[in-house]
C-alpha cells in the first residue's frame, strides 16, 4: 500500500490533537455551573477517548515502522538507535513539562508532593514506557509472527490484571520507589499508569497488524466496524452480569476490563471508518488534521504550555476570558489555541522539510537554552 493510503492514521492522531485541546480547555476553565448535567457527562465520556486515541496511534505507528525496519531493529542497526534516542527525547520532554517550579535549585528542595507531581506518569511517559516494552518484545520474538503473540499476551495481561493491581494494599505499593511506582500504580495517583493505559498501545499494534496483512484492507475495515459494534454490545450485555473477579466496590470506569473493551471498540470503529472514507478526505481540514497528526508532539507541548505550563500565558488567558466561562467561551478558546498551535506546527514542518539541517540545529540550540535556563534560573 502506498504511504498516502495510510494518511487516515495521521488524521486520527490529528483529531485526537484537536480533541485534546478542547478537553484541556474544559478541564482548566469551564465554570462549574455548566458541569454535572447529562450533556457534560456525555462530553466527559467522549473526552476519555482522547488519550486512548493517542496511545492507540503510538502502537499503530510502531507496527507501521516494522514494515520496513524490523530487520534493522532486531540487528541493532542505526534506525534502532535513532528510535531509542527519539523515545528518550520524548521522555525528557514529558518530564520537563512537569516540574512545579522550573528551576534546578527549586527541585533540590521539592517536598514529596512536588516530587510526585514531577514524576507523574503522563501520556508521553506512558507511550515511551509502552514503546520500550514493545521493543523488548520485538527483540525477544524477532519476527512479526511472534511479535503479534507477544502483543496479545501484553494486551490480555494488562487488561485482566489491572483491577488486581489496583487492589494491592497501598502500604505494599509504598515500598516501590516513587519513580517506578508512578508507572505501575495509583498510589499516589498517576495520571496514566501502565495498568490500564498500556492496553491501548498494544490494541493499536494488534489492530494495525491484522489490517496490514489483510488481502483486502477495505474488507478488513468493514470487519472492524462489525467487530467494534459487537464489542459495544458485549460491554452493554456485561452490565447485566453481577459477578466480577474483583471487588465490585472498585470504580468500573477506572479498572474494568469491559471499560477497556468499550474504549478499544470506539477507537476501532473510528479507525475503520476513517479508512473507508479516506478517498473523500482531501480538503483543507483533512490536510490540517493530517499535519497535526504528523506534528502531534509539537501540538501536545504547545497547547500544554499555553493552557497549563506558562504563567504568563495562563494569566493572559484568564484575563481574556469572562468571570464565568461558558461552553461558547470554551469553543472560542479551543478554536484560538488550535489556530496558534497548528500554525506553528505548519511552520515547523515546512522548516524541517526545506531546511532539515537548520531545523536540526535549531532544535539542538533550543534544547541547550532550555536546559541552561533550568539549571541556572534563580528560585
Protein backbone atom coordinates (compact mmCIF):
# COMPACT_ATOMS: atom_id res chain seq x y z
CA UNK A 1 0.00 0.00 0.00
CA UNK A 2 1.33 3.42 -0.88
CA UNK A 3 2.19 5.67 2.03
CA UNK A 4 -0.54 8.14 1.13
CA UNK A 5 -3.09 5.40 1.68
CA UNK A 6 -2.20 5.44 5.38
CA UNK A 7 -2.77 9.15 5.95
CA UNK A 8 -6.01 8.25 7.73
CA UNK A 9 -3.89 7.24 10.74
CA UNK A 10 -2.33 10.71 10.78
CA UNK A 11 -5.84 12.14 10.54
CA UNK A 12 -6.92 10.01 13.51
CA UNK A 13 -3.97 11.35 15.51
CA UNK A 14 -4.80 14.87 14.32
CA UNK A 15 -8.39 14.52 15.50
CA UNK A 16 -7.02 13.43 18.88
CA UNK A 17 -4.85 16.59 18.96
CA UNK A 18 -7.80 18.92 18.41
CA UNK A 19 -9.93 16.90 20.79
CA UNK A 20 -7.17 17.12 23.41
CA UNK A 21 -7.15 20.92 23.27
CA UNK A 22 -10.91 21.02 23.86
CA UNK A 23 -10.57 18.56 26.74
CA UNK A 24 -7.84 20.55 28.45
CA UNK A 25 -9.70 23.82 27.93
CA UNK A 26 -12.82 22.33 29.51
CA UNK A 27 -10.89 20.88 32.45
CA UNK A 28 -8.97 24.11 33.08
CA UNK A 29 -11.56 26.84 32.54
CA UNK A 30 -15.19 25.72 32.23
CA UNK A 31 -17.28 27.16 35.05
CA UNK A 32 -18.57 24.54 37.48
CA UNK A 33 -22.14 25.78 36.92
CA UNK A 34 -22.07 24.10 33.50
CA UNK A 35 -20.87 20.77 34.87
CA UNK A 36 -22.76 17.86 36.38
CA UNK A 37 -25.54 17.68 33.79
CA UNK A 38 -26.19 14.95 31.23
CA UNK A 39 -24.58 16.79 28.31
CA UNK A 40 -21.42 17.44 30.31
CA UNK A 41 -21.26 13.79 31.40
CA UNK A 42 -21.55 12.67 27.76
CA UNK A 43 -18.80 15.13 26.85
CA UNK A 44 -16.60 13.73 29.60
CA UNK A 45 -17.11 10.19 28.31
CA UNK A 46 -16.14 11.28 24.79
CA UNK A 47 -13.14 13.22 26.12
CA UNK A 48 -11.96 9.99 27.71
CA UNK A 49 -11.13 8.73 24.22
CA UNK A 50 -8.50 11.44 23.60
CA UNK A 51 -5.62 9.79 25.43
CA UNK A 52 -6.82 6.39 24.21
CA UNK A 53 -6.52 7.56 20.59
CA UNK A 54 -3.04 8.99 21.18
CA UNK A 55 -1.78 5.81 22.80
CA UNK A 56 -3.52 3.64 20.19
CA UNK A 57 -1.83 5.59 17.38
CA UNK A 58 1.56 5.13 19.05
CA UNK A 59 1.10 1.37 18.96
CA UNK A 60 -0.13 1.58 15.38
CA UNK A 61 2.89 3.69 14.45
CA UNK A 62 5.28 1.12 15.90
CA UNK A 63 3.67 -1.63 13.83
CA UNK A 64 3.84 0.51 10.69
CA UNK A 65 7.54 1.20 11.29
CA UNK A 66 8.23 -2.53 11.42
CA UNK A 67 7.07 -2.89 7.81
CA UNK A 68 10.44 -1.57 6.69
CA UNK A 69 12.63 -1.51 9.80
CA UNK A 70 12.16 -4.81 11.59
CA UNK A 71 15.48 -6.24 10.39
CA UNK A 72 17.25 -3.02 11.42
CA UNK A 73 15.67 -3.12 14.86
CA UNK A 74 16.44 -6.74 15.67
CA UNK A 75 20.06 -6.37 14.49
CA UNK A 76 20.62 -3.05 16.31
CA UNK A 77 21.30 -1.04 13.19
CA UNK A 78 21.16 2.77 13.00
CA UNK A 79 17.31 3.01 12.80
CA UNK A 80 17.12 1.13 16.11
CA UNK A 81 19.31 3.65 17.91
CA UNK A 82 17.53 6.54 16.20
CA UNK A 83 14.24 5.20 17.54
CA UNK A 84 15.67 4.75 21.04
CA UNK A 85 17.03 8.31 21.02
CA UNK A 86 13.66 9.62 19.92
CA UNK A 87 11.92 7.78 22.76
CA UNK A 88 14.39 9.17 25.29
CA UNK A 89 13.91 12.65 23.83
CA UNK A 90 10.13 12.34 24.22
CA UNK A 91 10.65 11.12 27.79
CA UNK A 92 12.79 14.17 28.61
CA UNK A 93 10.16 16.45 27.05
CA UNK A 94 7.46 14.75 29.10
CA UNK A 95 9.25 15.28 32.40
CA UNK A 96 10.39 18.79 31.50
CA UNK A 97 6.74 19.88 31.32
CA UNK A 98 6.01 18.74 34.88
CA UNK A 99 8.25 20.45 37.48
CA UNK A 100 6.11 22.53 39.85
CA UNK A 101 8.89 25.12 39.61
CA UNK A 102 11.11 25.35 36.54
CA UNK A 103 14.41 25.57 38.38
CA UNK A 104 17.04 23.01 39.33
CA UNK A 105 17.65 24.84 42.59
CA UNK A 106 13.97 24.60 43.46
CA UNK A 107 13.94 20.92 42.57
CA UNK A 108 16.58 20.22 45.21
CA UNK A 109 14.09 21.44 47.80
CA UNK A 110 10.99 19.65 46.50
CA UNK A 111 8.72 18.07 49.08
CA UNK A 112 7.10 14.67 48.50
CA UNK A 113 4.05 16.17 46.84
CA UNK A 114 6.16 18.16 44.40
CA UNK A 115 8.27 15.10 43.52
CA UNK A 116 5.06 13.17 42.94
CA UNK A 117 3.85 15.82 40.53
CA UNK A 118 7.20 15.93 38.73
CA UNK A 119 7.46 12.13 38.39
CA UNK A 120 3.84 11.67 37.30
CA UNK A 121 3.36 9.14 34.51
CA UNK A 122 1.54 11.21 31.91
CA UNK A 123 0.66 10.39 28.30
CA UNK A 124 4.18 10.91 26.91
CA UNK A 125 5.80 8.83 29.65
CA UNK A 126 3.20 6.10 29.15
CA UNK A 127 3.83 5.97 25.41
CA UNK A 128 7.60 5.79 25.91
CA UNK A 129 7.32 3.03 28.52
CA UNK A 130 4.91 1.04 26.33
CA UNK A 131 7.20 1.51 23.33
CA UNK A 132 10.18 0.13 25.25
CA UNK A 133 8.10 -2.85 26.35
CA UNK A 134 7.09 -3.44 22.73
CA UNK A 135 10.69 -3.03 21.59
CA UNK A 136 11.82 -5.59 24.16
CA UNK A 137 9.11 -7.93 22.92
CA UNK A 138 10.36 -7.48 19.36
CA UNK A 139 13.96 -8.23 20.35
CA UNK A 140 12.78 -11.39 22.09
CA UNK A 141 10.43 -12.53 19.32
CA UNK A 142 12.49 -11.31 16.32
CA UNK A 143 9.62 -11.69 13.84
CA UNK A 144 6.22 -10.22 13.13
CA UNK A 145 4.51 -13.58 13.54
CA UNK A 146 5.87 -13.98 17.07
CA UNK A 147 5.59 -10.30 17.92
CA UNK A 148 1.82 -10.41 17.44
CA UNK A 149 1.70 -13.22 20.01
CA UNK A 150 3.70 -11.07 22.43
CA UNK A 151 1.32 -8.16 21.82
CA UNK A 152 -1.74 -10.30 22.50
CA UNK A 153 -0.16 -11.55 25.72
CA UNK A 154 0.65 -8.00 26.83
CA UNK A 155 -2.84 -6.80 25.91
CA UNK A 156 -4.59 -9.58 27.83
CA UNK A 157 -2.23 -9.48 30.79
CA UNK A 158 -2.63 -5.73 31.33
CA UNK A 159 -6.39 -5.86 30.82
CA UNK A 160 -7.03 -8.80 33.14
CA UNK A 161 -4.60 -7.82 35.90
CA UNK A 162 -5.41 -4.09 36.11
CA UNK A 163 -8.14 -4.45 38.77
CA UNK A 164 -5.89 -6.83 40.73
CA UNK A 165 -3.02 -4.34 40.66
CA UNK A 166 -5.36 -1.59 41.82
CA UNK A 167 -6.45 -3.87 44.68
CA UNK A 168 -2.95 -4.14 46.18
CA UNK A 169 -2.64 -2.66 49.66
CA UNK A 170 -1.23 0.89 49.45
CA UNK A 171 1.26 0.08 52.21
CA UNK A 172 2.76 -2.60 49.98
CA UNK A 173 2.81 -0.27 46.98
CA UNK A 174 4.58 2.36 49.09
CA UNK A 175 7.66 0.11 49.22
CA UNK A 176 8.26 0.64 45.48
CA UNK A 177 10.49 3.64 44.64
CA UNK A 178 8.36 6.60 43.59
CA UNK A 179 9.72 6.77 40.02
CA UNK A 180 8.66 3.20 39.22
CA UNK A 181 5.52 3.40 41.35
CA UNK A 182 4.10 6.13 39.13
CA UNK A 183 4.32 3.84 36.09
CA UNK A 184 2.52 0.91 37.66
CA UNK A 185 0.08 2.00 40.30
CA UNK A 186 -2.25 4.71 41.51
CA UNK A 187 -0.70 5.18 44.97
CA UNK A 188 -0.07 8.08 44.79
CA UNK A 189 -2.35 8.81 41.88
CA UNK A 190 -0.62 8.67 38.50
CA UNK A 191 -2.35 10.24 35.51
CA UNK A 192 -1.71 7.37 33.06
CA UNK A 193 -0.15 4.30 34.71
CA UNK A 194 0.70 1.24 32.63
CA UNK A 195 -2.28 -0.52 34.22
CA UNK A 196 -4.60 0.01 32.35
CA UNK A 197 -3.42 2.58 29.80
CA UNK A 198 -0.76 0.50 28.08
CA UNK A 199 -3.51 -1.86 26.93
CA UNK A 200 -4.46 0.72 24.26
CA UNK A 201 -0.90 0.79 22.88
CA UNK A 202 -0.98 -2.95 22.24
CA UNK A 203 -4.53 -2.71 20.92
CA UNK A 204 -3.20 -0.25 18.34
CA UNK A 205 -0.40 -2.64 17.43
CA UNK A 206 -2.72 -5.66 17.13
CA UNK A 207 -5.41 -3.91 15.11
CA UNK A 208 -2.88 -2.35 12.74
CA UNK A 209 -1.08 -5.66 12.30
CA UNK A 210 -4.16 -7.50 11.08
CA UNK A 211 -5.06 -4.53 8.93
CA UNK A 212 -1.63 -4.51 7.26
CA UNK A 213 -1.57 -8.22 6.46
CA UNK A 214 -5.15 -8.36 5.13
CA UNK A 215 -5.60 -9.30 1.47
CA UNK A 216 -8.38 -6.72 1.23
CA UNK A 217 -7.99 -3.83 3.61
CA UNK A 218 -11.41 -2.47 2.68
CA UNK A 219 -12.94 -5.76 3.74
CA UNK A 220 -10.86 -5.76 6.92
CA UNK A 221 -12.07 -2.23 7.73
CA UNK A 222 -15.67 -3.36 7.30
CA UNK A 223 -14.96 -6.32 9.55
CA UNK A 224 -13.53 -3.93 12.12
CA UNK A 225 -16.76 -1.91 12.05
CA UNK A 226 -18.75 -5.06 12.75
CA UNK A 227 -16.33 -6.19 15.47
CA UNK A 228 -16.44 -2.75 17.09
CA UNK A 229 -20.23 -2.77 17.15
CA UNK A 230 -20.20 -6.33 18.53
CA UNK A 231 -17.78 -5.33 21.30
CA UNK A 232 -20.00 -2.43 22.28
CA UNK A 233 -22.91 -4.87 22.50
CA UNK A 234 -20.78 -7.20 24.63
CA UNK A 235 -19.93 -4.37 27.03
CA UNK A 236 -23.60 -3.43 27.32
CA UNK A 237 -24.56 -7.06 28.00
CA UNK A 238 -21.85 -7.38 30.64
CA UNK A 239 -23.52 -4.67 32.74
CA UNK A 240 -26.31 -7.18 33.49
CA UNK A 241 -23.86 -9.74 34.91
CA UNK A 242 -23.47 -9.14 38.66
CA UNK A 243 -20.33 -11.29 39.10
CA UNK A 244 -16.79 -9.96 38.79
CA UNK A 245 -13.45 -11.48 39.76
CA UNK A 246 -12.54 -8.30 41.66
CA UNK A 247 -14.36 -6.19 44.23
CA UNK A 248 -17.47 -4.55 42.83
CA UNK A 249 -16.70 -1.54 45.01
CA UNK A 250 -13.94 -0.55 42.59
CA UNK A 251 -14.67 2.14 40.00
CA UNK A 252 -15.82 0.48 36.76
CA UNK A 253 -14.68 3.47 34.72
CA UNK A 254 -11.14 3.14 36.01
CA UNK A 255 -10.31 -0.55 36.30
CA UNK A 256 -12.86 -2.71 34.47
CA UNK A 257 -11.58 -4.75 31.53
CA UNK A 258 -15.01 -4.18 29.99
CA UNK A 259 -14.40 -0.44 30.07
CA UNK A 260 -11.12 -1.04 28.25
CA UNK A 261 -13.02 -3.07 25.66
CA UNK A 262 -15.51 -0.20 25.36
CA UNK A 263 -12.75 2.28 24.59
CA UNK A 264 -10.93 -0.06 22.21
CA UNK A 265 -14.20 -0.64 20.35
CA UNK A 266 -14.73 3.10 19.98
CA UNK A 267 -11.28 3.75 18.55
CA UNK A 268 -11.54 0.66 16.35
CA UNK A 269 -14.74 1.99 14.78
CA UNK A 270 -13.17 5.40 14.11
CA UNK A 271 -10.03 3.72 12.69
CA UNK A 272 -12.09 1.65 10.26
CA UNK A 273 -14.45 4.47 9.35
CA UNK A 274 -11.62 6.89 8.52
CA UNK A 275 -10.04 4.29 6.25
CA UNK A 276 -13.27 3.68 4.38
CA UNK A 277 -13.89 7.40 3.76
CA UNK A 278 -10.25 8.42 3.24
CA UNK A 279 -10.78 9.00 -0.50
CA UNK A 280 -13.08 11.84 0.46
CA UNK A 281 -10.65 13.34 2.98
CA UNK A 282 -8.94 15.68 0.52
CA UNK A 283 -9.93 19.16 1.67
CA UNK A 284 -8.06 21.74 3.76
CA UNK A 285 -9.50 20.42 7.04
CA UNK A 286 -8.19 16.95 6.27
CA UNK A 287 -4.77 18.40 5.42
CA UNK A 288 -4.72 20.32 8.69
CA UNK A 289 -5.67 17.19 10.62
CA UNK A 290 -3.03 15.14 8.82
CA UNK A 291 -0.36 17.74 9.52
CA UNK A 292 -1.48 17.90 13.16
CA UNK A 293 -1.08 14.14 13.37
CA UNK A 294 2.43 14.25 11.95
CA UNK A 295 3.41 17.03 14.34
CA UNK A 296 1.42 15.75 17.31
CA UNK A 297 4.35 16.16 19.71
CA UNK A 298 4.69 19.83 18.78
CA UNK A 299 0.97 20.39 19.29
CA UNK A 300 0.93 18.42 22.55
CA UNK A 301 3.73 20.51 24.02
CA UNK A 302 2.43 23.81 22.61
CA UNK A 303 -1.13 23.53 23.86
CA UNK A 304 0.10 22.26 27.23
CA UNK A 305 2.33 25.31 27.67
CA UNK A 306 -0.47 27.68 26.63
CA UNK A 307 -3.14 26.14 28.86
CA UNK A 308 -1.15 24.85 31.82
CA UNK A 309 2.57 25.41 31.60
CA UNK A 310 3.46 29.08 31.23
CA UNK A 311 2.46 31.55 33.98
CA UNK A 312 2.33 34.44 31.51
CA UNK A 313 0.08 32.64 29.03
CA UNK A 314 -2.11 31.37 31.85
CA UNK A 315 -2.63 34.91 33.17
CA UNK A 316 -3.35 36.20 29.67
CA UNK A 317 -5.98 33.50 29.08
CA UNK A 318 -7.70 34.20 32.38
CA UNK A 319 -7.68 37.94 31.64
CA UNK A 320 -9.28 37.39 28.23
CA UNK A 321 -11.96 35.03 29.48
CA UNK A 322 -15.08 36.19 31.35
CA UNK A 323 -15.53 35.52 35.04
CA UNK A 324 -18.00 32.75 34.24
CA UNK A 325 -16.59 30.69 31.36
CA UNK A 326 -19.41 29.19 29.30
CA UNK A 327 -19.31 26.37 26.72
CA UNK A 328 -19.32 29.01 23.95
CA UNK A 329 -16.26 30.64 25.54
CA UNK A 330 -14.58 27.23 25.59
CA UNK A 331 -15.37 26.82 21.89
CA UNK A 332 -13.73 30.16 21.07
CA UNK A 333 -10.74 29.39 23.27
CA UNK A 334 -10.28 25.97 21.71
CA UNK A 335 -10.51 27.41 18.20
CA UNK A 336 -7.95 30.12 19.05
CA UNK A 337 -5.45 27.66 20.51
CA UNK A 338 -5.94 25.32 17.55
CA UNK A 339 -5.11 28.14 15.14
CA UNK A 340 -1.97 29.08 17.09
CA UNK A 341 -0.53 25.60 17.58
CA UNK A 342 -1.48 24.32 14.12
CA UNK A 343 0.06 27.43 12.57
CA UNK A 344 3.27 26.82 14.49
CA UNK A 345 3.19 23.11 13.55
CA UNK A 346 2.87 24.08 9.87
CA UNK A 347 5.85 26.43 10.09
CA UNK A 348 7.96 23.87 11.90
CA UNK A 349 7.01 21.11 9.46
CA UNK A 350 7.91 23.32 6.49
CA UNK A 351 11.19 24.33 8.14
CA UNK A 352 12.15 20.67 8.61
CA UNK A 353 11.13 19.81 5.08
CA UNK A 354 13.02 22.55 3.24
CA UNK A 355 15.90 23.22 5.66
CA UNK A 356 16.42 19.97 7.59
CA UNK A 357 19.94 20.74 8.81
CA UNK A 358 18.93 24.17 10.02
CA UNK A 359 15.89 22.69 11.78
CA UNK A 360 18.09 20.10 13.48
CA UNK A 361 20.49 22.74 14.79
CA UNK A 362 17.59 24.97 15.81
CA UNK A 363 16.20 22.13 17.89
CA UNK A 364 19.59 21.42 19.45
CA UNK A 365 20.16 25.07 20.30
CA UNK A 366 16.65 25.43 21.72
CA UNK A 367 17.16 22.41 23.96
CA UNK A 368 20.53 23.80 25.12
CA UNK A 369 18.96 27.13 26.06
CA UNK A 370 16.11 25.26 27.76
CA UNK A 371 18.49 23.16 29.86
CA UNK A 372 20.73 26.09 30.79
CA UNK A 373 17.69 28.11 31.84
CA UNK A 374 16.55 25.25 34.03
CA UNK A 375 19.98 24.80 35.62
CA UNK A 376 20.76 28.44 36.37
CA UNK A 377 17.36 30.05 36.88
CA UNK A 378 17.04 31.60 40.32
CA UNK A 379 14.25 30.28 42.52
